[in-house]
């Protein structure tokens, strides 16, 4: 198997398996989870493997969200298209988040880095951890609200829980 395929398969399962376990902690109605290890694991995978592993992250997120939101009976109904669109946008948000975090680590902090200076640790925690986690909940919660999957009145709480889980 070519190396790039192996890297994408690894990233796919690195997103899918922890995400599946994290969804066991999901709270209705929006299924937001305050512990989401997939984002950190895949951000690290993108840093280590490079941007060529992003398709694995995208498809891992897409498959995970489709599997979580759709039952077997709904697979052959028009609902599948709605969930495919929302899951695609959620996957795009996850990929943008991993890109943001890996960019901060590679370009601003420098990789590899032994984190011997407080400045590097501060940038990792504040910029990569807190600010880097903004795209995924913004896109994900936004698309869920636009498609009516979650009501608009819980958007701030859902965004907050999603952001906490990713940061």
Foldseek 3Di string as FASTA:
>chain_A
DDPLVVLLQVLLVLQQPQQVVQLVQADPDQRFGLARCSLVSNLVSCLVVHPSNLVSQLVSQLVNQLVVPDDPVCPPPPVSVLSSVLSNQLSVLSSQLSVQLSCCCPPVLRPPDPPPDPVSVVCNCPVNLQVSLQSNLVRNLVSCCVSPSDPPVCSVVSSVSNSSNND
